[in-house]
Amino acid sequence: MQYLVISDIYGKTPCLQQLAKHFNAENQIVDPYNGVHQALENEEEYYKLFIKHCGHDEYAAKLEEYFNKLSKPTICIAFSAGASAAWRAQARTTTTHLKKVIAFYPTQIRNYLNIDAIHPCEFIFPGFEPHFNVDELITNLSAKNNVRCLKTLYLHGFMNQQSQNFSEYGYQYFYKVIKTANSEAH
């Protein structure tokens, strides 16, 4: 089993590379900046760069291309903007190699509830989002086939060591969840 790790707006950071390396399996990181590290000051600057350089639609299209080229059984681990893009791409891909999507805090998914899960999808939501009701979104998604939702006590960004919402405990716990997904997807 290989892993396809999809970044958030921060791109291919050293922290994300470290996470991917811990899987002890073949993995690839996909990010909006084609692997070029972006050293910006704050989240607002990263979001502006993401929209200018790639944007939500282009990121989803990019992931669809990656999914269509998969040649081995693969678990997709995605974060934030990357998680929402993975949701959209999994519904359009023709591959049979995508075994599961594990998506952390996919906030933009609320705009794509008309999409169905063609591949098993597990969504890990923060305890709170300022722009929408997490519980309502979970209720809507949970009604779909192939979807499992989990609401955590953590905040958006808890898996990202660059985020002010990073949680070491949450990171360690969900790292184990991801590792367990490998054995479940076989």
N, C-alpha and C. Protein backbone atom coordinates (compact mmCIF):
# COMPACT_ATOMS: atom_id res chain seq x y z
N MET A 1 0.85 -1.18 0.00
CA MET A 1 0.00 0.00 0.00
C MET A 1 0.89 1.23 0.00
N GLN A 2 0.56 2.18 -0.83
CA GLN A 2 1.29 3.44 -0.82
C GLN A 2 0.38 4.57 -0.33
N TYR A 3 1.00 5.68 0.03
CA TYR A 3 0.28 6.85 0.51
C TYR A 3 0.48 8.01 -0.46
N LEU A 4 -0.60 8.72 -0.70
CA LEU A 4 -0.56 9.97 -1.44
C LEU A 4 -0.98 11.03 -0.43
N VAL A 5 -0.05 11.91 -0.06
CA VAL A 5 -0.28 12.91 0.96
C VAL A 5 -0.55 14.25 0.27
N ILE A 6 -1.71 14.83 0.55
CA ILE A 6 -2.14 16.06 -0.11
C ILE A 6 -2.06 17.21 0.89
N SER A 7 -1.27 18.22 0.55
CA SER A 7 -1.04 19.32 1.49
C SER A 7 -2.21 20.29 1.55
N ASP A 8 -2.15 21.11 2.57
CA ASP A 8 -3.06 22.25 2.70
C ASP A 8 -2.44 23.44 1.97
N ILE A 9 -2.85 24.64 2.28
CA ILE A 9 -2.35 25.84 1.60
C ILE A 9 -0.87 26.12 1.90
N TYR A 10 -0.31 25.48 2.92
CA TYR A 10 1.09 25.70 3.27
C TYR A 10 2.04 24.97 2.33
N GLY A 11 1.55 23.97 1.62
CA GLY A 11 2.38 23.25 0.67
C GLY A 11 3.23 22.17 1.31
N LYS A 12 4.30 21.84 0.62
CA LYS A 12 5.19 20.75 1.02
C LYS A 12 6.18 21.27 2.06
N THR A 13 5.74 21.27 3.29
CA THR A 13 6.55 21.78 4.39
C THR A 13 7.43 20.66 4.96
N PRO A 14 8.48 21.02 5.67
CA PRO A 14 9.29 20.00 6.35
C PRO A 14 8.45 19.14 7.30
N CYS A 15 7.46 19.73 7.95
CA CYS A 15 6.59 18.98 8.86
C CYS A 15 5.79 17.92 8.11
N LEU A 16 5.26 18.28 6.95
CA LEU A 16 4.48 17.34 6.15
C LEU A 16 5.39 16.24 5.61
N GLN A 17 6.58 16.59 5.21
CA GLN A 17 7.54 15.60 4.74
C GLN A 17 7.88 14.61 5.85
N GLN A 18 8.02 15.12 7.07
CA GLN A 18 8.31 14.26 8.21
C GLN A 18 7.15 13.31 8.48
N LEU A 19 5.94 13.81 8.41
CA LEU A 19 4.76 12.95 8.60
C LEU A 19 4.76 11.83 7.56
N ALA A 20 4.96 12.18 6.31
CA ALA A 20 4.94 11.18 5.23
C ALA A 20 6.05 10.15 5.43
N LYS A 21 7.20 10.58 5.87
CA LYS A 21 8.33 9.68 6.07
C LYS A 21 8.03 8.64 7.16
N HIS A 22 7.25 9.02 8.15
CA HIS A 22 6.93 8.12 9.26
C HIS A 22 6.06 6.93 8.85
N PHE A 23 5.45 6.98 7.68
CA PHE A 23 4.58 5.88 7.28
C PHE A 23 5.37 4.63 6.93
N ASN A 24 6.68 4.76 6.72
CA ASN A 24 7.51 3.61 6.35
C ASN A 24 6.93 2.86 5.16
N ALA A 25 6.44 3.60 4.21
CA ALA A 25 5.85 3.03 3.00
C ALA A 25 6.12 4.00 1.86
N GLU A 26 5.93 3.51 0.66
CA GLU A 26 6.07 4.39 -0.49
C GLU A 26 5.05 5.51 -0.37
N ASN A 27 5.49 6.74 -0.59
CA ASN A 27 4.56 7.85 -0.50
C ASN A 27 4.98 8.97 -1.44
N GLN A 28 4.02 9.81 -1.72
CA GLN A 28 4.26 10.97 -2.55
C GLN A 28 3.45 12.12 -1.96
N ILE A 29 4.03 13.31 -1.98
CA ILE A 29 3.34 14.50 -1.50
C ILE A 29 2.93 15.34 -2.69
N VAL A 30 1.66 15.74 -2.70
CA VAL A 30 1.14 16.64 -3.73
C VAL A 30 0.80 17.95 -3.03
N ASP A 31 1.22 19.05 -3.65
CA ASP A 31 0.94 20.35 -3.06
C ASP A 31 0.64 21.35 -4.16
N PRO A 32 0.08 22.50 -3.81
CA PRO A 32 -0.31 23.48 -4.84
C PRO A 32 0.86 24.19 -5.51
N TYR A 33 2.07 24.05 -4.96
CA TYR A 33 3.21 24.83 -5.46
C TYR A 33 4.26 23.95 -6.15
N ASN A 34 3.86 22.74 -6.53
CA ASN A 34 4.75 21.81 -7.26
C ASN A 34 6.06 21.56 -6.52
N GLY A 35 5.96 21.42 -5.20
CA GLY A 35 7.11 21.06 -4.39
C GLY A 35 8.01 22.20 -3.97
N VAL A 36 7.72 23.41 -4.40
CA VAL A 36 8.55 24.56 -4.03
C VAL A 36 8.08 25.09 -2.68
N HIS A 37 8.98 25.08 -1.71
CA HIS A 37 8.65 25.54 -0.35
C HIS A 37 8.35 27.03 -0.36
N GLN A 38 7.29 27.42 0.33
CA GLN A 38 6.88 28.82 0.44
C GLN A 38 7.10 29.27 1.88
N ALA A 39 7.92 30.26 2.07
CA ALA A 39 8.22 30.75 3.42
C ALA A 39 7.53 32.09 3.62
N LEU A 40 6.27 32.03 4.00
CA LEU A 40 5.50 33.26 4.23
C LEU A 40 5.29 33.46 5.72
N GLU A 41 4.73 34.61 6.06
CA GLU A 41 4.60 34.99 7.47
C GLU A 41 3.38 34.41 8.18
N ASN A 42 2.23 34.36 7.48
CA ASN A 42 1.01 33.97 8.19
C ASN A 42 0.02 33.27 7.25
N GLU A 43 -1.03 32.74 7.86
CA GLU A 43 -2.03 31.98 7.12
C GLU A 43 -2.70 32.81 6.03
N GLU A 44 -2.97 34.07 6.31
CA GLU A 44 -3.62 34.93 5.32
C GLU A 44 -2.77 35.06 4.06
N GLU A 45 -1.45 35.21 4.22
CA GLU A 45 -0.55 35.30 3.07
C GLU A 45 -0.53 33.98 2.29
N TYR A 46 -0.54 32.87 3.02
CA TYR A 46 -0.56 31.56 2.36
C TYR A 46 -1.85 31.39 1.56
N TYR A 47 -2.96 31.80 2.12
CA TYR A 47 -4.23 31.64 1.41
C TYR A 47 -4.25 32.49 0.14
N LYS A 48 -3.77 33.71 0.21
CA LYS A 48 -3.71 34.56 -0.98
C LYS A 48 -2.83 33.93 -2.05
N LEU A 49 -1.69 33.38 -1.64
CA LEU A 49 -0.80 32.72 -2.59
C LEU A 49 -1.47 31.49 -3.20
N PHE A 50 -2.15 30.71 -2.36
CA PHE A 50 -2.84 29.52 -2.85
C PHE A 50 -3.86 29.89 -3.92
N ILE A 51 -4.68 30.89 -3.66
CA ILE A 51 -5.70 31.31 -4.62
C ILE A 51 -5.05 31.83 -5.91
N LYS A 52 -3.99 32.60 -5.77
CA LYS A 52 -3.30 33.16 -6.94
C LYS A 52 -2.58 32.07 -7.75
N HIS A 53 -1.92 31.16 -7.06
CA HIS A 53 -1.08 30.18 -7.74
C HIS A 53 -1.86 28.97 -8.24
N CYS A 54 -2.90 28.58 -7.53
CA CYS A 54 -3.57 27.33 -7.84
C CYS A 54 -5.09 27.46 -7.73
N GLY A 55 -5.59 27.71 -6.55
CA GLY A 55 -7.02 27.82 -6.33
C GLY A 55 -7.67 26.46 -6.13
N HIS A 56 -8.90 26.48 -5.67
CA HIS A 56 -9.61 25.24 -5.33
C HIS A 56 -9.91 24.38 -6.54
N ASP A 57 -10.37 24.97 -7.63
CA ASP A 57 -10.73 24.19 -8.82
C ASP A 57 -9.51 23.53 -9.45
N GLU A 58 -8.44 24.29 -9.57
CA GLU A 58 -7.22 23.74 -10.18
C GLU A 58 -6.61 22.65 -9.30
N TYR A 59 -6.69 22.82 -7.98
CA TYR A 59 -6.15 21.81 -7.07
C TYR A 59 -6.94 20.50 -7.22
N ALA A 60 -8.25 20.59 -7.31
CA ALA A 60 -9.08 19.39 -7.51
C ALA A 60 -8.73 18.72 -8.83
N ALA A 61 -8.54 19.49 -9.89
CA ALA A 61 -8.19 18.93 -11.19
C ALA A 61 -6.81 18.26 -11.14
N LYS A 62 -5.89 18.88 -10.44
CA LYS A 62 -4.54 18.33 -10.29
C LYS A 62 -4.60 16.97 -9.58
N LEU A 63 -5.41 16.89 -8.53
CA LEU A 63 -5.53 15.63 -7.80
C LEU A 63 -6.21 14.56 -8.64
N GLU A 64 -7.19 14.95 -9.43
CA GLU A 64 -7.83 13.98 -10.31
C GLU A 64 -6.80 13.36 -11.25
N GLU A 65 -5.90 14.16 -11.78
CA GLU A 65 -4.83 13.64 -12.64
C GLU A 65 -3.95 12.66 -11.86
N TYR A 66 -3.57 13.02 -10.64
CA TYR A 66 -2.76 12.11 -9.82
C TYR A 66 -3.51 10.81 -9.55
N PHE A 67 -4.77 10.91 -9.18
CA PHE A 67 -5.56 9.70 -8.92
C PHE A 67 -5.63 8.82 -10.16
N ASN A 68 -5.85 9.40 -11.32
CA ASN A 68 -5.97 8.62 -12.55
C ASN A 68 -4.68 7.91 -12.93
N LYS A 69 -3.55 8.40 -12.45
CA LYS A 69 -2.25 7.79 -12.76
C LYS A 69 -1.82 6.75 -11.73
N LEU A 70 -2.60 6.54 -10.69
CA LEU A 70 -2.22 5.56 -9.67
C LEU A 70 -2.11 4.18 -10.30
N SER A 71 -1.05 3.46 -9.92
CA SER A 71 -0.84 2.11 -10.45
C SER A 71 -0.75 1.06 -9.35
N LYS A 72 -0.85 1.51 -8.09
CA LYS A 72 -0.78 0.61 -6.93
C LYS A 72 -1.89 1.01 -5.97
N PRO A 73 -2.31 0.07 -5.12
CA PRO A 73 -3.28 0.43 -4.09
C PRO A 73 -2.75 1.60 -3.24
N THR A 74 -3.60 2.61 -3.06
CA THR A 74 -3.17 3.87 -2.45
C THR A 74 -4.20 4.39 -1.46
N ILE A 75 -3.69 4.89 -0.34
CA ILE A 75 -4.50 5.64 0.62
C ILE A 75 -4.12 7.10 0.47
N CYS A 76 -5.10 7.95 0.34
CA CYS A 76 -4.90 9.39 0.23
C CYS A 76 -5.12 10.02 1.60
N ILE A 77 -4.12 10.75 2.07
CA ILE A 77 -4.20 11.50 3.32
C ILE A 77 -4.18 12.97 2.93
N ALA A 78 -5.23 13.71 3.26
CA ALA A 78 -5.33 15.08 2.76
C ALA A 78 -5.72 16.05 3.87
N PHE A 79 -5.29 17.29 3.70
CA PHE A 79 -5.48 18.30 4.74
C PHE A 79 -6.11 19.57 4.18
N SER A 80 -7.15 20.05 4.84
CA SER A 80 -7.78 21.34 4.59
C SER A 80 -8.14 21.54 3.12
N ALA A 81 -7.55 22.51 2.44
CA ALA A 81 -7.86 22.75 1.02
C ALA A 81 -7.57 21.50 0.20
N GLY A 82 -6.52 20.78 0.56
CA GLY A 82 -6.20 19.53 -0.12
C GLY A 82 -7.24 18.46 0.13
N ALA A 83 -7.82 18.46 1.33
CA ALA A 83 -8.86 17.48 1.67
C ALA A 83 -10.13 17.73 0.86
N SER A 84 -10.50 18.99 0.72
CA SER A 84 -11.68 19.32 -0.09
C SER A 84 -11.44 19.00 -1.56
N ALA A 85 -10.23 19.26 -2.04
CA ALA A 85 -9.88 18.93 -3.42
C ALA A 85 -9.91 17.42 -3.64
N ALA A 86 -9.44 16.66 -2.66
CA ALA A 86 -9.44 15.19 -2.77
C ALA A 86 -10.88 14.66 -2.83
N TRP A 87 -11.78 15.25 -2.06
CA TRP A 87 -13.20 14.87 -2.09
C TRP A 87 -13.75 15.04 -3.50
N ARG A 88 -13.48 16.15 -4.10
CA ARG A 88 -13.98 16.42 -5.45
C ARG A 88 -13.32 15.47 -6.46
N ALA A 89 -12.03 15.27 -6.34
CA ALA A 89 -11.30 14.45 -7.31
C ALA A 89 -11.67 12.97 -7.22
N GLN A 90 -11.92 12.47 -6.02
CA GLN A 90 -12.23 11.04 -5.89
C GLN A 90 -13.53 10.70 -6.60
N ALA A 91 -14.42 11.66 -6.72
CA ALA A 91 -15.71 11.42 -7.38
C ALA A 91 -15.57 11.39 -8.90
N ARG A 92 -14.48 11.93 -9.42
CA ARG A 92 -14.30 12.02 -10.87
C ARG A 92 -13.26 11.06 -11.42
N THR A 93 -12.48 10.45 -10.55
CA THR A 93 -11.39 9.60 -11.03
C THR A 93 -11.90 8.26 -11.56
N THR A 94 -11.14 7.69 -12.45
CA THR A 94 -11.49 6.39 -13.03
C THR A 94 -10.68 5.26 -12.42
N THR A 95 -9.80 5.56 -11.50
CA THR A 95 -8.91 4.54 -10.94
C THR A 95 -9.64 3.58 -10.01
N THR A 96 -9.12 2.37 -9.96
CA THR A 96 -9.57 1.40 -8.96
C THR A 96 -8.52 1.26 -7.85
N HIS A 97 -7.42 1.99 -7.99
CA HIS A 97 -6.31 1.88 -7.02
C HIS A 97 -6.47 2.77 -5.80
N LEU A 98 -7.38 3.72 -5.86
CA LEU A 98 -7.62 4.58 -4.70
C LEU A 98 -8.48 3.80 -3.71
N LYS A 99 -7.89 3.41 -2.60
CA LYS A 99 -8.58 2.54 -1.64
C LYS A 99 -9.30 3.31 -0.54
N LYS A 100 -8.81 4.50 -0.25
CA LYS A 100 -9.44 5.28 0.82
C LYS A 100 -8.92 6.71 0.79
N VAL A 101 -9.79 7.65 1.17
CA VAL A 101 -9.41 9.04 1.38
C VAL A 101 -9.63 9.35 2.85
N ILE A 102 -8.58 9.80 3.51
CA ILE A 102 -8.68 10.27 4.89
C ILE A 102 -8.45 11.77 4.83
N ALA A 103 -9.47 12.54 5.16
CA ALA A 103 -9.44 13.98 4.94
C ALA A 103 -9.60 14.73 6.26
N PHE A 104 -8.60 15.52 6.59
CA PHE A 104 -8.60 16.30 7.82
C PHE A 104 -9.10 17.71 7.55
N TYR A 105 -10.05 18.15 8.35
CA TYR A 105 -10.67 19.48 8.33
C TYR A 105 -10.87 20.04 6.93
N PRO A 106 -11.74 19.36 6.15
CA PRO A 106 -12.02 19.79 4.77
C PRO A 106 -13.11 20.87 4.71
N THR A 107 -12.78 22.09 5.04
CA THR A 107 -13.80 23.13 5.19
C THR A 107 -14.57 23.43 3.92
N GLN A 108 -13.93 23.41 2.77
CA GLN A 108 -14.62 23.74 1.52
C GLN A 108 -15.59 22.65 1.06
N ILE A 109 -15.53 21.51 1.69
CA ILE A 109 -16.43 20.41 1.31
C ILE A 109 -17.89 20.81 1.47
N ARG A 110 -18.14 21.77 2.34
CA ARG A 110 -19.52 22.23 2.55
C ARG A 110 -20.13 22.79 1.27
N ASN A 111 -19.31 23.19 0.33
CA ASN A 111 -19.78 23.72 -0.95
C ASN A 111 -19.95 22.65 -2.01
N TYR A 112 -19.68 21.39 -1.66
CA TYR A 112 -19.72 20.29 -2.63
C TYR A 112 -20.47 19.09 -2.06
N LEU A 113 -21.60 19.36 -1.45
CA LEU A 113 -22.39 18.27 -0.87
C LEU A 113 -23.17 17.48 -1.92
N ASN A 114 -23.18 17.96 -3.15
CA ASN A 114 -23.84 17.23 -4.23
C ASN A 114 -22.99 16.07 -4.73
N ILE A 115 -21.77 15.96 -4.27
CA ILE A 115 -20.85 14.91 -4.69
C ILE A 115 -21.06 13.68 -3.81
N ASP A 116 -20.89 12.50 -4.41
CA ASP A 116 -20.97 11.25 -3.66
C ASP A 116 -19.58 10.65 -3.51
N ALA A 117 -19.45 9.79 -2.53
CA ALA A 117 -18.18 9.10 -2.29
C ALA A 117 -18.14 7.85 -3.16
N ILE A 118 -17.34 7.90 -4.20
CA ILE A 118 -17.14 6.74 -5.07
C ILE A 118 -16.16 5.78 -4.39
N HIS A 119 -15.26 6.34 -3.62
CA HIS A 119 -14.27 5.58 -2.86
C HIS A 119 -14.52 5.85 -1.38
N PRO A 120 -14.15 4.92 -0.50
CA PRO A 120 -14.35 5.16 0.93
C PRO A 120 -13.66 6.45 1.38
N CYS A 121 -14.41 7.27 2.10
CA CYS A 121 -13.90 8.55 2.59
C CYS A 121 -14.13 8.66 4.09
N GLU A 122 -13.09 9.06 4.79
CA GLU A 122 -13.19 9.30 6.22
C GLU A 122 -12.81 10.76 6.46
N PHE A 123 -13.74 11.50 7.05
CA PHE A 123 -13.52 12.93 7.30
C PHE A 123 -13.30 13.16 8.79
N ILE A 124 -12.25 13.87 9.11
CA ILE A 124 -11.93 14.20 10.49
C ILE A 124 -12.07 15.70 10.64
N PHE A 125 -13.09 16.08 11.38
CA PHE A 125 -13.45 17.50 11.52
C PHE A 125 -12.96 18.06 12.85
N PRO A 126 -12.69 19.36 12.87
CA PRO A 126 -12.37 20.01 14.14
C PRO A 126 -13.64 20.15 14.98
N GLY A 127 -13.47 20.44 16.23
CA GLY A 127 -14.62 20.63 17.11
C GLY A 127 -15.44 21.85 16.77
N PHE A 128 -14.83 22.79 16.05
CA PHE A 128 -15.50 24.05 15.74
C PHE A 128 -14.89 24.64 14.48
N GLU A 129 -15.74 25.25 13.67
CA GLU A 129 -15.30 26.06 12.52
C GLU A 129 -16.06 27.38 12.60
N PRO A 130 -15.40 28.51 12.40
CA PRO A 130 -16.07 29.80 12.54
C PRO A 130 -17.06 30.12 11.42
N HIS A 131 -16.94 29.48 10.26
CA HIS A 131 -17.75 29.87 9.10
C HIS A 131 -18.94 28.95 8.82
N PHE A 132 -19.06 27.87 9.57
CA PHE A 132 -20.19 26.96 9.35
C PHE A 132 -20.37 26.05 10.55
N ASN A 133 -21.52 25.37 10.57
CA ASN A 133 -21.86 24.46 11.66
C ASN A 133 -21.31 23.07 11.33
N VAL A 134 -20.32 22.65 12.07
CA VAL A 134 -19.66 21.36 11.83
C VAL A 134 -20.65 20.21 11.98
N ASP A 135 -21.53 20.27 12.97
CA ASP A 135 -22.49 19.19 13.20
C ASP A 135 -23.45 19.02 12.02
N GLU A 136 -23.92 20.12 11.46
CA GLU A 136 -24.80 20.03 10.28
C GLU A 136 -24.08 19.40 9.10
N LEU A 137 -22.85 19.79 8.89
CA LEU A 137 -22.08 19.23 7.78
C LEU A 137 -21.87 17.73 7.98
N ILE A 138 -21.54 17.34 9.19
CA ILE A 138 -21.35 15.92 9.48
C ILE A 138 -22.64 15.15 9.24
N THR A 139 -23.77 15.70 9.65
CA THR A 139 -25.06 15.04 9.42
C THR A 139 -25.31 14.84 7.93
N ASN A 140 -25.06 15.87 7.13
CA ASN A 140 -25.26 15.76 5.67
C ASN A 140 -24.33 14.73 5.04
N LEU A 141 -23.07 14.74 5.42
CA LEU A 141 -22.11 13.81 4.83
C LEU A 141 -22.34 12.38 5.30
N SER A 142 -22.71 12.21 6.55
CA SER A 142 -22.90 10.87 7.11
C SER A 142 -24.05 10.12 6.46
N ALA A 143 -24.95 10.83 5.82
CA ALA A 143 -26.07 10.18 5.12
C ALA A 143 -25.62 9.53 3.81
N LYS A 144 -24.42 9.81 3.38
CA LYS A 144 -23.91 9.28 2.11
C LYS A 144 -23.26 7.91 2.33
N ASN A 145 -23.35 7.06 1.31
CA ASN A 145 -22.64 5.78 1.33
C ASN A 145 -21.14 6.03 1.25
N ASN A 146 -20.37 5.14 1.83
CA ASN A 146 -18.90 5.19 1.76
C ASN A 146 -18.30 6.36 2.54
N VAL A 147 -19.06 6.98 3.43
CA VAL A 147 -18.55 8.14 4.18
C VAL A 147 -18.62 7.85 5.68
N ARG A 148 -17.53 8.16 6.35
CA ARG A 148 -17.48 8.10 7.81
C ARG A 148 -16.95 9.45 8.29
N CYS A 149 -17.60 10.02 9.28
CA CYS A 149 -17.20 11.33 9.81
C CYS A 149 -16.87 11.21 11.30
N LEU A 150 -15.88 11.96 11.68
CA LEU A 150 -15.48 12.01 13.08
C LEU A 150 -15.24 13.46 13.45
N LYS A 151 -15.84 13.87 14.54
CA LYS A 151 -15.62 15.22 15.06
C LYS A 151 -14.68 15.12 16.25
N THR A 152 -13.61 15.88 16.22
CA THR A 152 -12.62 15.85 17.29
C THR A 152 -12.83 17.01 18.26
N LEU A 153 -12.03 17.03 19.28
CA LEU A 153 -12.02 18.16 20.21
C LEU A 153 -11.02 19.23 19.76
N TYR A 154 -10.24 18.91 18.74
CA TYR A 154 -9.16 19.79 18.30
C TYR A 154 -9.67 20.86 17.33
N LEU A 155 -8.81 21.81 17.04
CA LEU A 155 -9.16 22.91 16.14
C LEU A 155 -8.55 22.69 14.76
N HIS A 156 -9.05 23.43 13.79
CA HIS A 156 -8.57 23.35 12.41
C HIS A 156 -7.06 23.59 12.39
N GLY A 157 -6.33 22.64 11.83
CA GLY A 157 -4.88 22.75 11.77
C GLY A 157 -4.15 21.93 12.81
N PHE A 158 -4.85 21.11 13.58
CA PHE A 158 -4.21 20.41 14.69
C PHE A 158 -3.14 19.43 14.25
N MET A 159 -3.13 19.01 12.98
CA MET A 159 -2.10 18.10 12.48
C MET A 159 -0.90 18.85 11.89
N ASN A 160 -0.98 20.16 11.80
CA ASN A 160 0.05 20.97 11.15
C ASN A 160 0.89 21.68 12.20
N GLN A 161 2.15 21.31 12.29
CA GLN A 161 3.03 21.89 13.30
C GLN A 161 3.26 23.39 13.09
N GLN A 162 2.94 23.91 11.91
CA GLN A 162 3.07 25.35 11.66
C GLN A 162 1.84 26.12 12.13
N SER A 163 0.77 25.42 12.43
CA SER A 163 -0.48 26.06 12.80
C SER A 163 -0.50 26.43 14.28
N GLN A 164 -1.12 27.54 14.59
CA GLN A 164 -1.29 27.91 16.00
C GLN A 164 -2.22 26.92 16.70
N ASN A 165 -2.97 26.13 15.93
CA ASN A 165 -3.89 25.15 16.51
C ASN A 165 -3.29 23.75 16.59
N PHE A 166 -2.00 23.62 16.33
CA PHE A 166 -1.35 22.31 16.40
C PHE A 166 -1.54 21.69 17.77
N SER A 167 -1.82 20.38 17.78
CA SER A 167 -1.95 19.62 19.02
C SER A 167 -1.07 18.38 18.92
N GLU A 168 -0.06 18.30 19.75
CA GLU A 168 0.84 17.14 19.74
C GLU A 168 0.06 15.86 20.03
N TYR A 169 -0.85 15.92 20.99
CA TYR A 169 -1.64 14.74 21.32
C TYR A 169 -2.52 14.33 20.14
N GLY A 170 -3.22 15.29 19.54
CA GLY A 170 -4.07 15.00 18.39
C GLY A 170 -3.26 14.45 17.22
N TYR A 171 -2.10 15.02 16.99
CA TYR A 171 -1.21 14.56 15.93
C TYR A 171 -0.82 13.10 16.14
N GLN A 172 -0.37 12.77 17.35
CA GLN A 172 0.05 11.40 17.64
C GLN A 172 -1.11 10.42 17.52
N TYR A 173 -2.26 10.80 18.03
CA TYR A 173 -3.42 9.93 17.96
C TYR A 173 -3.82 9.64 16.51
N PHE A 174 -3.94 10.69 15.70
CA PHE A 174 -4.40 10.49 14.33
C PHE A 174 -3.32 9.94 13.41
N TYR A 175 -2.07 10.09 13.79
CA TYR A 175 -1.01 9.40 13.07
C TYR A 175 -1.24 7.89 13.18
N LYS A 176 -1.60 7.42 14.38
CA LYS A 176 -1.89 6.00 14.58
C LYS A 176 -3.14 5.58 13.80
N VAL A 177 -4.14 6.45 13.73
CA VAL A 177 -5.34 6.16 12.94
C VAL A 177 -4.97 5.96 11.47
N ILE A 178 -4.11 6.82 10.95
CA ILE A 178 -3.67 6.70 9.56
C ILE A 178 -2.93 5.39 9.35
N LYS A 179 -2.03 5.05 10.25
CA LYS A 179 -1.28 3.79 10.12
C LYS A 179 -2.23 2.59 10.15
N THR A 180 -3.26 2.65 10.97
CA THR A 180 -4.24 1.57 11.06
C THR A 180 -5.03 1.44 9.76
N ALA A 181 -5.27 2.55 9.09
CA ALA A 181 -6.02 2.54 7.84
C ALA A 181 -5.34 1.68 6.79
N ASN A 182 -4.03 1.58 6.85
CA ASN A 182 -3.30 0.76 5.89
C ASN A 182 -3.72 -0.70 6.00
N SER A 183 -3.82 -1.23 7.21
CA SER A 183 -4.22 -2.62 7.38
C SER A 183 -5.70 -2.83 7.06
N GLU A 184 -6.53 -1.82 7.31
CA GLU A 184 -7.96 -1.93 7.02
C GLU A 184 -8.26 -1.88 5.53
N ALA A 185 -7.42 -1.20 4.76
CA ALA A 185 -7.68 -1.01 3.33
C ALA A 185 -7.26 -2.21 2.49
N HIS A 186 -6.56 -3.16 3.06
CA HIS A 186 -6.13 -4.33 2.28
C HIS A 186 -7.30 -5.23 1.96
